[in-house]
Amino acid sequence: MEGVFIMVVLIVLISCSAGVATRYIRFRQRQLGAQDGDDVREELDEVKQRVEVLEKIVTDRKFRLSDEIDNLERG
């Protein structure tokens, strides 16, 4: 009877340990995934800011005027 009791206790301990390990692994995956996502978001924000600056430069009147003058000189 004592062997059956030890076997039941071991099965419960193994089950609990597996559950804890699974939760820890999922937590770490989420944590690492969130960090990667934050890095990507930061880089995307930087790229958006750069595109905005380039759009301002391209749509600037002086830039367009300069471009038109260059085209007239070439043509």
N, C-alpha and C. Protein backbone atom coordinates (compact mmCIF):
# COMPACT_ATOMS: atom_id res chain seq x y z
N MET A 1 0.82 -1.18 0.00
CA MET A 1 0.00 0.00 0.00
C MET A 1 0.87 1.25 0.00
N GLU A 2 2.01 1.17 0.65
CA GLU A 2 2.90 2.31 0.72
C GLU A 2 3.46 2.67 -0.65
N GLY A 3 3.72 1.68 -1.49
CA GLY A 3 4.22 1.91 -2.85
C GLY A 3 3.22 2.66 -3.71
N VAL A 4 1.95 2.34 -3.55
CA VAL A 4 0.90 3.02 -4.32
C VAL A 4 0.82 4.49 -3.88
N PHE A 5 0.93 4.73 -2.60
CA PHE A 5 0.88 6.11 -2.08
C PHE A 5 2.04 6.94 -2.64
N ILE A 6 3.24 6.37 -2.65
CA ILE A 6 4.41 7.07 -3.18
C ILE A 6 4.22 7.34 -4.68
N MET A 7 3.68 6.37 -5.41
CA MET A 7 3.44 6.53 -6.83
C MET A 7 2.44 7.67 -7.09
N VAL A 8 1.39 7.76 -6.32
CA VAL A 8 0.40 8.82 -6.47
C VAL A 8 1.03 10.18 -6.18
N VAL A 9 1.82 10.25 -5.11
CA VAL A 9 2.48 11.51 -4.76
C VAL A 9 3.43 11.93 -5.88
N LEU A 10 4.19 10.98 -6.43
CA LEU A 10 5.11 11.31 -7.53
C LEU A 10 4.36 11.79 -8.77
N ILE A 11 3.25 11.16 -9.09
CA ILE A 11 2.46 11.59 -10.25
C ILE A 11 1.94 13.00 -10.04
N VAL A 12 1.46 13.31 -8.85
CA VAL A 12 0.96 14.66 -8.56
C VAL A 12 2.10 15.67 -8.64
N LEU A 13 3.27 15.34 -8.08
CA LEU A 13 4.41 16.26 -8.14
C LEU A 13 4.87 16.49 -9.58
N ILE A 14 4.92 15.43 -10.36
CA ILE A 14 5.33 15.57 -11.76
C ILE A 14 4.32 16.42 -12.53
N SER A 15 3.05 16.21 -12.28
CA SER A 15 2.01 16.99 -12.96
C SER A 15 2.10 18.47 -12.59
N CYS A 16 2.28 18.74 -11.32
CA CYS A 16 2.40 20.13 -10.88
C CYS A 16 3.66 20.79 -11.44
N SER A 17 4.76 20.06 -11.44
CA SER A 17 6.00 20.59 -12.00
C SER A 17 5.86 20.88 -13.49
N ALA A 18 5.20 20.00 -14.21
CA ALA A 18 5.00 20.22 -15.65
C ALA A 18 4.13 21.46 -15.87
N GLY A 19 3.11 21.64 -15.06
CA GLY A 19 2.25 22.82 -15.18
C GLY A 19 3.02 24.10 -14.92
N VAL A 20 3.85 24.11 -13.89
CA VAL A 20 4.65 25.29 -13.56
C VAL A 20 5.65 25.57 -14.69
N ALA A 21 6.28 24.53 -15.20
CA ALA A 21 7.25 24.71 -16.29
C ALA A 21 6.56 25.26 -17.54
N THR A 22 5.39 24.76 -17.85
CA THR A 22 4.65 25.24 -19.03
C THR A 22 4.29 26.71 -18.88
N ARG A 23 3.81 27.09 -17.71
CA ARG A 23 3.46 28.50 -17.49
C ARG A 23 4.69 29.39 -17.57
N TYR A 24 5.81 28.94 -17.04
CA TYR A 24 7.04 29.73 -17.09
C TYR A 24 7.50 29.92 -18.54
N ILE A 25 7.45 28.84 -19.31
CA ILE A 25 7.87 28.92 -20.72
C ILE A 25 6.96 29.88 -21.48
N ARG A 26 5.66 29.80 -21.27
CA ARG A 26 4.73 30.72 -21.94
C ARG A 26 4.99 32.16 -21.52
N PHE A 27 5.25 32.37 -20.26
CA PHE A 27 5.54 33.72 -19.75
C PHE A 27 6.79 34.28 -20.43
N ARG A 28 7.84 33.47 -20.51
CA ARG A 28 9.09 33.92 -21.14
C ARG A 28 8.89 34.21 -22.63
N GLN A 29 8.10 33.39 -23.30
CA GLN A 29 7.83 33.62 -24.72
C GLN A 29 7.10 34.94 -24.91
N ARG A 30 6.11 35.20 -24.08
CA ARG A 30 5.37 36.46 -24.17
C ARG A 30 6.28 37.64 -23.87
N GLN A 31 7.12 37.47 -22.85
CA GLN A 31 8.02 38.55 -22.46
C GLN A 31 9.01 38.86 -23.59
N LEU A 32 9.59 37.83 -24.17
CA LEU A 32 10.53 38.04 -25.27
C LEU A 32 9.82 38.57 -26.50
N GLY A 33 8.63 38.07 -26.76
CA GLY A 33 7.87 38.56 -27.91
C GLY A 33 7.49 40.02 -27.75
N ALA A 34 7.17 40.43 -26.54
CA ALA A 34 6.81 41.82 -26.29
C ALA A 34 8.01 42.72 -26.49
N GLN A 35 9.18 42.28 -26.09
CA GLN A 35 10.39 43.08 -26.28
C GLN A 35 10.68 43.25 -27.76
N ASP A 36 10.56 42.18 -28.53
CA ASP A 36 10.80 42.27 -29.96
C ASP A 36 9.79 43.19 -30.61
N GLY A 37 8.55 43.09 -30.18
CA GLY A 37 7.50 43.95 -30.72
C GLY A 37 7.75 45.41 -30.40
N ASP A 38 8.25 45.69 -29.19
CA ASP A 38 8.55 47.06 -28.81
C ASP A 38 9.68 47.62 -29.67
N ASP A 39 10.69 46.81 -29.94
CA ASP A 39 11.80 47.25 -30.79
C ASP A 39 11.30 47.56 -32.19
N VAL A 40 10.45 46.72 -32.70
CA VAL A 40 9.91 46.92 -34.05
C VAL A 40 9.06 48.18 -34.09
N ARG A 41 8.26 48.38 -33.06
CA ARG A 41 7.41 49.59 -33.01
C ARG A 41 8.26 50.85 -32.96
N GLU A 42 9.32 50.83 -32.15
CA GLU A 42 10.21 52.00 -32.06
C GLU A 42 10.85 52.28 -33.41
N GLU A 43 11.33 51.25 -34.07
CA GLU A 43 11.96 51.43 -35.37
C GLU A 43 10.94 51.94 -36.40
N LEU A 44 9.73 51.43 -36.34
CA LEU A 44 8.68 51.87 -37.25
C LEU A 44 8.34 53.34 -37.01
N ASP A 45 8.30 53.76 -35.76
CA ASP A 45 8.05 55.16 -35.44
C ASP A 45 9.16 56.05 -35.99
N GLU A 46 10.40 55.61 -35.88
CA GLU A 46 11.53 56.37 -36.42
C GLU A 46 11.42 56.50 -37.94
N VAL A 47 11.07 55.41 -38.59
CA VAL A 47 10.93 55.44 -40.05
C VAL A 47 9.79 56.37 -40.45
N LYS A 48 8.69 56.34 -39.72
CA LYS A 48 7.57 57.24 -40.01
C LYS A 48 8.00 58.70 -39.89
N GLN A 49 8.77 59.01 -38.85
CA GLN A 49 9.24 60.38 -38.68
C GLN A 49 10.15 60.80 -39.83
N ARG A 50 11.01 59.90 -40.28
CA ARG A 50 11.90 60.21 -41.40
C ARG A 50 11.11 60.44 -42.68
N VAL A 51 10.09 59.63 -42.90
CA VAL A 51 9.26 59.79 -44.09
C VAL A 51 8.54 61.13 -44.04
N GLU A 52 8.05 61.52 -42.88
CA GLU A 52 7.38 62.82 -42.75
C GLU A 52 8.34 63.95 -43.11
N VAL A 53 9.58 63.86 -42.64
CA VAL A 53 10.57 64.90 -42.95
C VAL A 53 10.83 64.93 -44.46
N LEU A 54 10.98 63.77 -45.06
CA LEU A 54 11.21 63.72 -46.51
C LEU A 54 10.02 64.27 -47.28
N GLU A 55 8.81 63.97 -46.83
CA GLU A 55 7.62 64.52 -47.48
C GLU A 55 7.60 66.04 -47.39
N LYS A 56 7.99 66.57 -46.25
CA LYS A 56 8.03 68.03 -46.10
C LYS A 56 9.06 68.64 -47.04
N ILE A 57 10.20 67.97 -47.17
CA ILE A 57 11.24 68.49 -48.06
C ILE A 57 10.75 68.47 -49.51
N VAL A 58 10.15 67.38 -49.92
CA VAL A 58 9.72 67.23 -51.30
C VAL A 58 8.57 68.17 -51.62
N THR A 59 7.69 68.41 -50.67
CA THR A 59 6.54 69.27 -50.93
C THR A 59 6.84 70.74 -50.65
N ASP A 60 8.04 71.03 -50.23
CA ASP A 60 8.44 72.40 -49.95
C ASP A 60 8.48 73.20 -51.26
N ARG A 61 7.99 74.44 -51.23
CA ARG A 61 7.93 75.26 -52.44
C ARG A 61 9.31 75.54 -53.01
N LYS A 62 10.27 75.81 -52.16
CA LYS A 62 11.62 76.11 -52.65
C LYS A 62 12.21 74.91 -53.37
N PHE A 63 11.95 73.73 -52.84
CA PHE A 63 12.45 72.51 -53.48
C PHE A 63 11.83 72.35 -54.85
N ARG A 64 10.52 72.55 -54.94
CA ARG A 64 9.83 72.42 -56.22
C ARG A 64 10.30 73.49 -57.20
N LEU A 65 10.47 74.71 -56.71
CA LEU A 65 10.93 75.78 -57.57
C LEU A 65 12.32 75.49 -58.09
N SER A 66 13.19 75.03 -57.21
CA SER A 66 14.55 74.68 -57.61
C SER A 66 14.53 73.56 -58.64
N ASP A 67 13.68 72.58 -58.43
CA ASP A 67 13.55 71.46 -59.36
C ASP A 67 13.05 71.95 -60.72
N GLU A 68 12.08 72.85 -60.72
CA GLU A 68 11.55 73.37 -61.98
C GLU A 68 12.61 74.18 -62.72
N ILE A 69 13.39 74.98 -62.00
CA ILE A 69 14.47 75.76 -62.62
C ILE A 69 15.50 74.83 -63.23
N ASP A 70 15.87 73.76 -62.52
CA ASP A 70 16.81 72.78 -63.07
C ASP A 70 16.26 72.14 -64.34
N ASN A 71 14.97 71.81 -64.35
CA ASN A 71 14.36 71.23 -65.54
C ASN A 71 14.37 72.21 -66.71
N LEU A 72 14.12 73.50 -66.44
CA LEU A 72 14.15 74.50 -67.50
C LEU A 72 15.56 74.66 -68.07
N GLU A 73 16.54 74.63 -67.19
CA GLU A 73 17.93 74.77 -67.65
C GLU A 73 18.35 73.57 -68.50
N ARG A 74 17.88 72.39 -68.16
CA ARG A 74 18.21 71.18 -68.92
C ARG A 74 17.46 71.13 -70.24
N GLY A 75 16.23 71.60 -70.22
CA GLY A 75 15.35 71.46 -71.38
C GLY A 75 15.58 72.51 -72.38
